[in-house]
Amino acid sequence: MIGPVLLGDLIRDGKLLWLYCRECFRERDVDPSTIPLPPDVPVPAIGKRIKYSACGSRKIDSRPELYPGGIEAQRGRRRKQAPRTE
């Protein structure tokens, strides 16, 4: 049986941790090695154990990075692909 992705898996694989606040709707990717939790914590449970510093909410969704290189890299790729209107 395959279990959930663990914090240690992200660190080992060099992946980012995606966090989304359901209160203020902000999202960001963080380096999982900066999260002060044990490496055997499942990624979905991380959001239940942290507080979002921008608004103080504890309603956080946490997942492995959604896009290669993170959400900011994806936004940069989208901007480059968008047709220019002049």
PDB file of N, CA and C in Angstrom:
ATOM      1  N   MET A   1       0.840  -1.185   0.000  1.00  0.00           N
ATOM      2  CA  MET A   1       0.000   0.000   0.000  1.00  0.00           C
ATOM      3  C   MET A   1       0.886   1.251   0.000  1.00  0.00           C
ATOM      4  N   ILE A   2       0.546   2.192  -0.821  1.00  0.00           N
ATOM      5  CA  ILE A   2       1.294   3.442  -0.916  1.00  0.00           C
ATOM      6  C   ILE A   2       0.629   4.484  -0.029  1.00  0.00           C
ATOM      7  N   GLY A   3       1.420   5.155   0.788  1.00  0.00           N
ATOM      8  CA  GLY A   3       0.889   6.160   1.698  1.00  0.00           C
ATOM      9  C   GLY A   3       1.052   7.560   1.139  1.00  0.00           C
ATOM     10  N   PRO A   4       0.703   8.560   1.925  1.00  0.00           N
ATOM     11  CA  PRO A   4       0.831   9.944   1.485  1.00  0.00           C
ATOM     12  C   PRO A   4       2.298  10.365   1.385  1.00  0.00           C
ATOM     13  N   VAL A   5       2.526  11.407   0.624  1.00  0.00           N
ATOM     14  CA  VAL A   5       3.870  11.988   0.522  1.00  0.00           C
ATOM     15  C   VAL A   5       4.224  12.600   1.874  1.00  0.00           C
ATOM     16  N   LEU A   6       5.444  12.375   2.307  1.00  0.00           N
ATOM     17  CA  LEU A   6       5.906  12.892   3.594  1.00  0.00           C
ATOM     18  C   LEU A   6       6.777  14.128   3.394  1.00  0.00           C
ATOM     19  N   LEU A   7       6.886  14.924   4.433  1.00  0.00           N
ATOM     20  CA  LEU A   7       7.737  16.110   4.395  1.00  0.00           C
ATOM     21  C   LEU A   7       9.162  15.715   4.000  1.00  0.00           C
ATOM     22  N   GLY A   8       9.659  14.628   4.561  1.00  0.00           N
ATOM     23  CA  GLY A   8      11.000  14.154   4.235  1.00  0.00           C
ATOM     24  C   GLY A   8      11.160  13.764   2.777  1.00  0.00           C
ATOM     25  N   ASP A   9      10.077  13.290   2.138  1.00  0.00           N
ATOM     26  CA  ASP A   9      10.128  12.957   0.707  1.00  0.00           C
ATOM     27  C   ASP A   9      10.390  14.204  -0.124  1.00  0.00           C
ATOM     28  N   LEU A  10       9.716  15.300   0.231  1.00  0.00           N
ATOM     29  CA  LEU A  10       9.916  16.554  -0.506  1.00  0.00           C
ATOM     30  C   LEU A  10      11.348  17.047  -0.352  1.00  0.00           C
ATOM     31  N   ILE A  11      11.852  16.972   0.875  1.00  0.00           N
ATOM     32  CA  ILE A  11      13.222  17.422   1.135  1.00  0.00           C
ATOM     33  C   ILE A  11      14.210  16.569   0.337  1.00  0.00           C
ATOM     34  N   ARG A  12      14.041  15.255   0.399  1.00  0.00           N
ATOM     35  CA  ARG A  12      14.939  14.331  -0.303  1.00  0.00           C
ATOM     36  C   ARG A  12      14.915  14.554  -1.824  1.00  0.00           C
ATOM     37  N   ASP A  13      13.714  14.794  -2.368  1.00  0.00           N
ATOM     38  CA  ASP A  13      13.560  14.933  -3.816  1.00  0.00           C
ATOM     39  C   ASP A  13      13.774  16.357  -4.331  1.00  0.00           C
ATOM     40  N   GLY A  14      14.035  17.305  -3.431  1.00  0.00           N
ATOM     41  CA  GLY A  14      14.265  18.682  -3.855  1.00  0.00           C
ATOM     42  C   GLY A  14      13.015  19.373  -4.370  1.00  0.00           C
ATOM     43  N   LYS A  15      11.859  18.976  -3.865  1.00  0.00           N
ATOM     44  CA  LYS A  15      10.581  19.565  -4.284  1.00  0.00           C
ATOM     45  C   LYS A  15      10.159  20.651  -3.304  1.00  0.00           C
ATOM     46  N   LEU A  16       9.276  21.510  -3.754  1.00  0.00           N
ATOM     47  CA  LEU A  16       8.746  22.571  -2.906  1.00  0.00           C
ATOM     48  C   LEU A  16       7.455  22.121  -2.230  1.00  0.00           C
ATOM     49  N   LEU A  17       7.078  22.816  -1.174  1.00  0.00           N
ATOM     50  CA  LEU A  17       5.817  22.594  -0.476  1.00  0.00           C
ATOM     51  C   LEU A  17       4.900  23.754  -0.823  1.00  0.00           C
ATOM     52  N   TRP A  18       3.715  23.450  -1.376  1.00  0.00           N
ATOM     53  CA  TRP A  18       2.742  24.477  -1.751  1.00  0.00           C
ATOM     54  C   TRP A  18       1.789  24.676  -0.581  1.00  0.00           C
ATOM     55  N   LEU A  19       1.596  25.928  -0.182  1.00  0.00           N
ATOM     56  CA  LEU A  19       0.679  26.274   0.894  1.00  0.00           C
ATOM     57  C   LEU A  19      -0.359  27.255   0.378  1.00  0.00           C
ATOM     58  N   TYR A  20      -1.619  27.038   0.750  1.00  0.00           N
ATOM     59  CA  TYR A  20      -2.724  27.896   0.321  1.00  0.00           C
ATOM     60  C   TYR A  20      -3.590  28.216   1.537  1.00  0.00           C
ATOM     61  N   CYS A  21      -3.837  29.501   1.764  1.00  0.00           N
ATOM     62  CA  CYS A  21      -4.661  29.937   2.892  1.00  0.00           C
ATOM     63  C   CYS A  21      -6.114  30.061   2.434  1.00  0.00           C
ATOM     64  N   ARG A  22      -6.999  29.353   3.098  1.00  0.00           N
ATOM     65  CA  ARG A  22      -8.430  29.410   2.753  1.00  0.00           C
ATOM     66  C   ARG A  22      -9.121  30.621   3.358  1.00  0.00           C
ATOM     67  N   GLU A  23      -8.412  31.416   4.143  1.00  0.00           N
ATOM     68  CA  GLU A  23      -8.974  32.643   4.712  1.00  0.00           C
ATOM     69  C   GLU A  23      -8.661  33.848   3.828  1.00  0.00           C
ATOM     70  N   CYS A  24      -7.387  34.041   3.498  1.00  0.00           N
ATOM     71  CA  CYS A  24      -6.988  35.230   2.728  1.00  0.00           C
ATOM     72  C   CYS A  24      -6.666  34.898   1.265  1.00  0.00           C
ATOM     73  N   PHE A  25      -6.739  33.622   0.905  1.00  0.00           N
ATOM     74  CA  PHE A  25      -6.580  33.152  -0.479  1.00  0.00           C
ATOM     75  C   PHE A  25      -5.182  33.369  -1.051  1.00  0.00           C
ATOM     76  N   ARG A  26      -4.212  33.543  -0.190  1.00  0.00           N
ATOM     77  CA  ARG A  26      -2.829  33.650  -0.667  1.00  0.00           C
ATOM     78  C   ARG A  26      -2.256  32.253  -0.823  1.00  0.00           C
ATOM     79  N   GLU A  27      -1.291  32.155  -1.718  1.00  0.00           N
ATOM     80  CA  GLU A  27      -0.590  30.892  -1.895  1.00  0.00           C
ATOM     81  C   GLU A  27       0.889  31.168  -2.047  1.00  0.00           C
ATOM     82  N   ARG A  28       1.685  30.182  -1.669  1.00  0.00           N
ATOM     83  CA  ARG A  28       3.125  30.321  -1.859  1.00  0.00           C
ATOM     84  C   ARG A  28       3.766  28.950  -1.784  1.00  0.00           C
ATOM     85  N   ASP A  29       4.916  28.863  -2.383  1.00  0.00           N
ATOM     86  CA  ASP A  29       5.737  27.667  -2.305  1.00  0.00           C
ATOM     87  C   ASP A  29       6.850  27.945  -1.311  1.00  0.00           C
ATOM     88  N   VAL A  30       7.144  26.966  -0.483  1.00  0.00           N
ATOM     89  CA  VAL A  30       8.217  27.126   0.490  1.00  0.00           C
ATOM     90  C   VAL A  30       9.173  25.944   0.403  1.00  0.00           C
ATOM     91  N   ASP A  31      10.379  26.190   0.830  1.00  0.00           N
ATOM     92  CA  ASP A  31      11.371  25.134   0.927  1.00  0.00           C
ATOM     93  C   ASP A  31      10.958  24.258   2.112  1.00  0.00           C
ATOM     94  N   PRO A  32      10.671  22.983   1.885  1.00  0.00           N
ATOM     95  CA  PRO A  32      10.186  22.143   2.981  1.00  0.00           C
ATOM     96  C   PRO A  32      11.196  21.957   4.113  1.00  0.00           C
ATOM     97  N   SER A  33      12.464  22.172   3.842  1.00  0.00           N
ATOM     98  CA  SER A  33      13.453  22.021   4.909  1.00  0.00           C
ATOM     99  C   SER A  33      13.346  23.148   5.941  1.00  0.00           C
ATOM    100  N   THR A  34      12.599  24.210   5.631  1.00  0.00           N
ATOM    101  CA  THR A  34      12.418  25.308   6.586  1.00  0.00           C
ATOM    102  C   THR A  34      11.235  25.078   7.513  1.00  0.00           C
ATOM    103  N   ILE A  35      10.454  24.023   7.281  1.00  0.00           N
ATOM    104  CA  ILE A  35       9.292  23.726   8.115  1.00  0.00           C
ATOM    105  C   ILE A  35       9.768  22.981   9.364  1.00  0.00           C
ATOM    106  N   PRO A  36       9.520  23.523  10.557  1.00  0.00           N
ATOM    107  CA  PRO A  36      10.038  22.900  11.786  1.00  0.00           C
ATOM    108  C   PRO A  36       9.180  21.725  12.261  1.00  0.00           C
ATOM    109  N   LEU A  37       9.039  20.730  11.419  1.00  0.00           N
ATOM    110  CA  LEU A  37       8.298  19.518  11.764  1.00  0.00           C
ATOM    111  C   LEU A  37       9.148  18.302  11.419  1.00  0.00           C
ATOM    112  N   PRO A  38       8.870  17.153  12.029  1.00  0.00           N
ATOM    113  CA  PRO A  38       9.632  15.948  11.707  1.00  0.00           C
ATOM    114  C   PRO A  38       9.420  15.518  10.252  1.00  0.00           C
ATOM    115  N   PRO A  39      10.394  14.865   9.654  1.00  0.00           N
ATOM    116  CA  PRO A  39      10.287  14.463   8.245  1.00  0.00           C
ATOM    117  C   PRO A  39       9.229  13.396   7.979  1.00  0.00           C
ATOM    118  N   ASP A  40       8.712  12.747   9.016  1.00  0.00           N
ATOM    119  CA  ASP A  40       7.710  11.709   8.786  1.00  0.00           C
ATOM    120  C   ASP A  40       6.269  12.234   8.833  1.00  0.00           C
ATOM    121  N   VAL A  41       6.092  13.550   8.862  1.00  0.00           N
ATOM    122  CA  VAL A  41       4.759  14.149   8.850  1.00  0.00           C
ATOM    123  C   VAL A  41       4.223  14.116   7.412  1.00  0.00           C
ATOM    124  N   PRO A  42       3.006  13.576   7.203  1.00  0.00           N
ATOM    125  CA  PRO A  42       2.417  13.589   5.860  1.00  0.00           C
ATOM    126  C   PRO A  42       2.164  15.022   5.394  1.00  0.00           C
ATOM    127  N   VAL A  43       2.428  15.284   4.126  1.00  0.00           N
ATOM    128  CA  VAL A  43       2.262  16.640   3.580  1.00  0.00           C
ATOM    129  C   VAL A  43       0.857  17.193   3.820  1.00  0.00           C
ATOM    130  N   PRO A  44      -0.234  16.419   3.608  1.00  0.00           N
ATOM    131  CA  PRO A  44      -1.563  16.993   3.865  1.00  0.00           C
ATOM    132  C   PRO A  44      -1.783  17.432   5.313  1.00  0.00           C
ATOM    133  N   ALA A  45      -1.060  16.841   6.262  1.00  0.00           N
ATOM    134  CA  ALA A  45      -1.224  17.191   7.673  1.00  0.00           C
ATOM    135  C   ALA A  45      -0.438  18.438   8.072  1.00  0.00           C
ATOM    136  N   ILE A  46       0.492  18.867   7.251  1.00  0.00           N
ATOM    137  CA  ILE A  46       1.315  20.028   7.599  1.00  0.00           C
ATOM    138  C   ILE A  46       0.460  21.272   7.760  1.00  0.00           C
ATOM    139  N   GLY A  47      -0.480  21.476   6.866  1.00  0.00           N
ATOM    140  CA  GLY A  47      -1.337  22.656   6.933  1.00  0.00           C
ATOM    141  C   GLY A  47      -2.139  22.754   8.210  1.00  0.00           C
ATOM    142  N   LYS A  48      -2.422  21.629   8.816  1.00  0.00           N
ATOM    143  CA  LYS A  48      -3.179  21.614  10.070  1.00  0.00           C
ATOM    144  C   LYS A  48      -2.300  21.950  11.273  1.00  0.00           C
ATOM    145  N   ARG A  49      -0.990  21.998  11.055  1.00  0.00           N
ATOM    146  CA  ARG A  49      -0.062  22.191  12.174  1.00  0.00           C
ATOM    147  C   ARG A  49       0.690  23.520  12.116  1.00  0.00           C
ATOM    148  N   ILE A  50       0.354  24.366  11.139  1.00  0.00           N
ATOM    149  CA  ILE A  50       1.045  25.654  11.017  1.00  0.00           C
ATOM    150  C   ILE A  50       0.039  26.792  10.962  1.00  0.00           C
ATOM    151  N   LYS A  51       0.546  28.015  11.089  1.00  0.00           N
ATOM    152  CA  LYS A  51      -0.284  29.218  11.018  1.00  0.00           C
ATOM    153  C   LYS A  51       0.281  30.107   9.927  1.00  0.00           C
ATOM    154  N   TYR A  52      -0.599  30.676   9.103  1.00  0.00           N
ATOM    155  CA  TYR A  52      -0.164  31.562   8.030  1.00  0.00           C
ATOM    156  C   TYR A  52       0.172  32.924   8.626  1.00  0.00           C
ATOM    157  N   SER A  53       1.389  33.368   8.429  1.00  0.00           N
ATOM    158  CA  SER A  53       1.841  34.595   9.086  1.00  0.00           C
ATOM    159  C   SER A  53       1.158  35.852   8.555  1.00  0.00           C
ATOM    160  N   ALA A  54       0.711  35.855   7.302  1.00  0.00           N
ATOM    161  CA  ALA A  54       0.114  37.059   6.720  1.00  0.00           C
ATOM    162  C   ALA A  54      -1.216  37.426   7.370  1.00  0.00           C
ATOM    163  N   CYS A  55      -2.054  36.421   7.706  1.00  0.00           N
ATOM    164  CA  CYS A  55      -3.374  36.727   8.259  1.00  0.00           C
ATOM    165  C   CYS A  55      -3.648  36.033   9.589  1.00  0.00           C
ATOM    166  N   GLY A  56      -2.773  35.129  10.005  1.00  0.00           N
ATOM    167  CA  GLY A  56      -2.950  34.431  11.275  1.00  0.00           C
ATOM    168  C   GLY A  56      -3.852  33.209  11.205  1.00  0.00           C
ATOM    169  N   SER A  57      -4.304  32.854  10.024  1.00  0.00           N
ATOM    170  CA  SER A  57      -5.213  31.718   9.868  1.00  0.00           C
ATOM    171  C   SER A  57      -4.496  30.380  10.058  1.00  0.00           C
ATOM    172  N   ARG A  58      -5.255  29.402  10.496  1.00  0.00           N
ATOM    173  CA  ARG A  58      -4.771  28.026  10.582  1.00  0.00           C
ATOM    174  C   ARG A  58      -5.493  27.148   9.555  1.00  0.00           C
ATOM    175  N   LYS A  59      -6.255  27.765   8.675  1.00  0.00           N
ATOM    176  CA  LYS A  59      -6.960  27.028   7.616  1.00  0.00           C
ATOM    177  C   LYS A  59      -6.068  26.971   6.382  1.00  0.00           C
ATOM    178  N   ILE A  60      -5.090  26.084   6.438  1.00  0.00           N
ATOM    179  CA  ILE A  60      -4.058  26.005   5.406  1.00  0.00           C
ATOM    180  C   ILE A  60      -4.140  24.664   4.690  1.00  0.00           C
ATOM    181  N   ASP A  61      -4.144  24.701   3.372  1.00  0.00           N
ATOM    182  CA  ASP A  61      -4.003  23.486   2.569  1.00  0.00           C
ATOM    183  C   ASP A  61      -2.534  23.343   2.216  1.00  0.00           C
ATOM    184  N   SER A  62      -2.029  22.130   2.289  1.00  0.00           N
ATOM    185  CA  SER A  62      -0.621  21.885   1.960  1.00  0.00           C
ATOM    186  C   SER A  62      -0.529  20.688   1.021  1.00  0.00           C
ATOM    187  N   ARG A  63       0.284  20.857  -0.013  1.00  0.00           N
ATOM    188  CA  ARG A  63       0.472  19.810  -1.016  1.00  0.00           C
ATOM    189  C   ARG A  63       1.895  19.897  -1.566  1.00  0.00           C
ATOM    190  N   PRO A  64       2.353  18.819  -2.205  1.00  0.00           N
ATOM    191  CA  PRO A  64       3.626  18.933  -2.923  1.00  0.00           C
ATOM    192  C   PRO A  64       3.475  19.992  -4.016  1.00  0.00           C
ATOM    193  N   GLU A  65       4.582  20.566  -4.462  1.00  0.00           N
ATOM    194  CA  GLU A  65       4.520  21.630  -5.479  1.00  0.00           C
ATOM    195  C   GLU A  65       3.591  21.226  -6.623  1.00  0.00           C
ATOM    196  N   LEU A  66       2.792  22.181  -7.055  1.00  0.00           N
ATOM    197  CA  LEU A  66       1.823  21.929  -8.117  1.00  0.00           C
ATOM    198  C   LEU A  66       2.444  21.999  -9.500  1.00  0.00           C
ATOM    199  N   TYR A  67       3.480  22.796  -9.645  1.00  0.00           N
ATOM    200  CA  TYR A  67       4.144  22.994 -10.931  1.00  0.00           C
ATOM    201  C   TYR A  67       5.649  22.848 -10.747  1.00  0.00           C
ATOM    202  N   PRO A  68       6.344  22.321 -11.755  1.00  0.00           N
ATOM    203  CA  PRO A  68       7.811  22.229 -11.637  1.00  0.00           C
ATOM    204  C   PRO A  68       8.414  23.609 -11.362  1.00  0.00           C
ATOM    205  N   GLY A  69       9.170  23.718 -10.305  1.00  0.00           N
ATOM    206  CA  GLY A  69       9.782  24.990  -9.952  1.00  0.00           C
ATOM    207  C   GLY A  69       8.894  25.890  -9.125  1.00  0.00           C
ATOM    208  N   GLY A  70       7.637  25.511  -8.899  1.00  0.00           N
ATOM    209  CA  GLY A  70       6.738  26.271  -8.046  1.00  0.00           C
ATOM    210  C   GLY A  70       5.790  27.179  -8.797  1.00  0.00           C
ATOM    211  N   ILE A  71       4.903  27.785  -8.043  1.00  0.00           N
ATOM    212  CA  ILE A  71       3.840  28.624  -8.604  1.00  0.00           C
ATOM    213  C   ILE A  71       4.395  29.879  -9.271  1.00  0.00           C
ATOM    214  N   GLU A  72       5.435  30.480  -8.707  1.00  0.00           N
ATOM    215  CA  GLU A  72       6.020  31.680  -9.312  1.00  0.00           C
ATOM    216  C   GLU A  72       6.656  31.359 -10.661  1.00  0.00           C
ATOM    217  N   ALA A  73       7.298  30.209 -10.765  1.00  0.00           N
ATOM    218  CA  ALA A  73       7.877  29.800 -12.052  1.00  0.00           C
ATOM    219  C   ALA A  73       6.775  29.591 -13.077  1.00  0.00           C
ATOM    220  N   GLN A  74       5.652  29.008 -12.658  1.00  0.00           N
ATOM    221  CA  GLN A  74       4.526  28.798 -13.573  1.00  0.00           C
ATOM    222  C   GLN A  74       3.962  30.131 -14.052  1.00  0.00           C
ATOM    223  N   ARG A  75       3.826  31.083 -13.156  1.00  0.00           N
ATOM    224  CA  ARG A  75       3.324  32.404 -13.553  1.00  0.00           C
ATOM    225  C   ARG A  75       4.271  33.061 -14.551  1.00  0.00           C
ATOM    226  N   GLY A  76       5.576  32.906 -14.343  1.00  0.00           N
ATOM    227  CA  GLY A  76       6.554  33.458 -15.279  1.00  0.00           C
ATOM    228  C   GLY A  76       6.430  32.819 -16.662  1.00  0.00           C
ATOM    229  N   ARG A  77       6.204  31.501 -16.699  1.00  0.00           N
ATOM    230  CA  ARG A  77       6.025  30.821 -17.988  1.00  0.00           C
ATOM    231  C   ARG A  77       4.764  31.312 -18.680  1.00  0.00           C
ATOM    232  N   ARG A  78       3.709  31.523 -17.922  1.00  0.00           N
ATOM    233  CA  ARG A  78       2.458  32.015 -18.512  1.00  0.00           C
ATOM    234  C   ARG A  78       2.621  33.411 -19.104  1.00  0.00           C
ATOM    235  N   ARG A  79       3.351  34.267 -18.382  1.00  0.00           N
ATOM    236  CA  ARG A  79       3.547  35.642 -18.887  1.00  0.00           C
ATOM    237  C   ARG A  79       4.316  35.627 -20.204  1.00  0.00           C
ATOM    238  N   LYS A  80       5.297  34.734 -20.308  1.00  0.00           N
ATOM    239  CA  LYS A  80       6.088  34.655 -21.530  1.00  0.00           C
ATOM    240  C   LYS A  80       5.253  34.120 -22.696  1.00  0.00           C
ATOM    241  N   GLN A  81       4.262  33.268 -22.410  1.00  0.00           N
ATOM    242  CA  GLN A  81       3.443  32.669 -23.460  1.00  0.00           C
ATOM    243  C   GLN A  81       2.286  33.557 -23.880  1.00  0.00           C
ATOM    244  N   ALA A  82       1.887  34.480 -23.037  1.00  0.00           N
ATOM    245  CA  ALA A  82       0.719  35.315 -23.328  1.00  0.00           C
ATOM    246  C   ALA A  82       0.989  36.202 -24.547  1.00  0.00           C
ATOM    247  N   PRO A  83       0.037  36.228 -25.490  1.00  0.00           N
ATOM    248  CA  PRO A  83       0.234  37.086 -26.678  1.00  0.00           C
ATOM    249  C   PRO A  83       0.159  38.570 -26.284  1.00  0.00           C
ATOM    250  N   ARG A  84       0.964  39.345 -26.929  1.00  0.00           N
ATOM    251  CA  ARG A  84       0.971  40.787 -26.653  1.00  0.00           C
ATOM    252  C   ARG A  84      -0.105  41.474 -27.474  1.00  0.00           C
ATOM    253  N   THR A  85      -0.780  42.409 -26.857  1.00  0.00           N
ATOM    254  CA  THR A  85      -1.772  43.210 -27.567  1.00  0.00           C
ATOM    255  C   THR A  85      -1.292  44.660 -27.562  1.00  0.00           C
ATOM    256  N   GLU A  86      -0.968  45.146 -28.726  1.00  0.00           N
ATOM    257  CA  GLU A  86      -0.454  46.518 -28.817  1.00  0.00           C
ATOM    258  C   GLU A  86      -1.227  47.306 -29.815  1.00  0.00           C
TER     259      GLU A  86
END
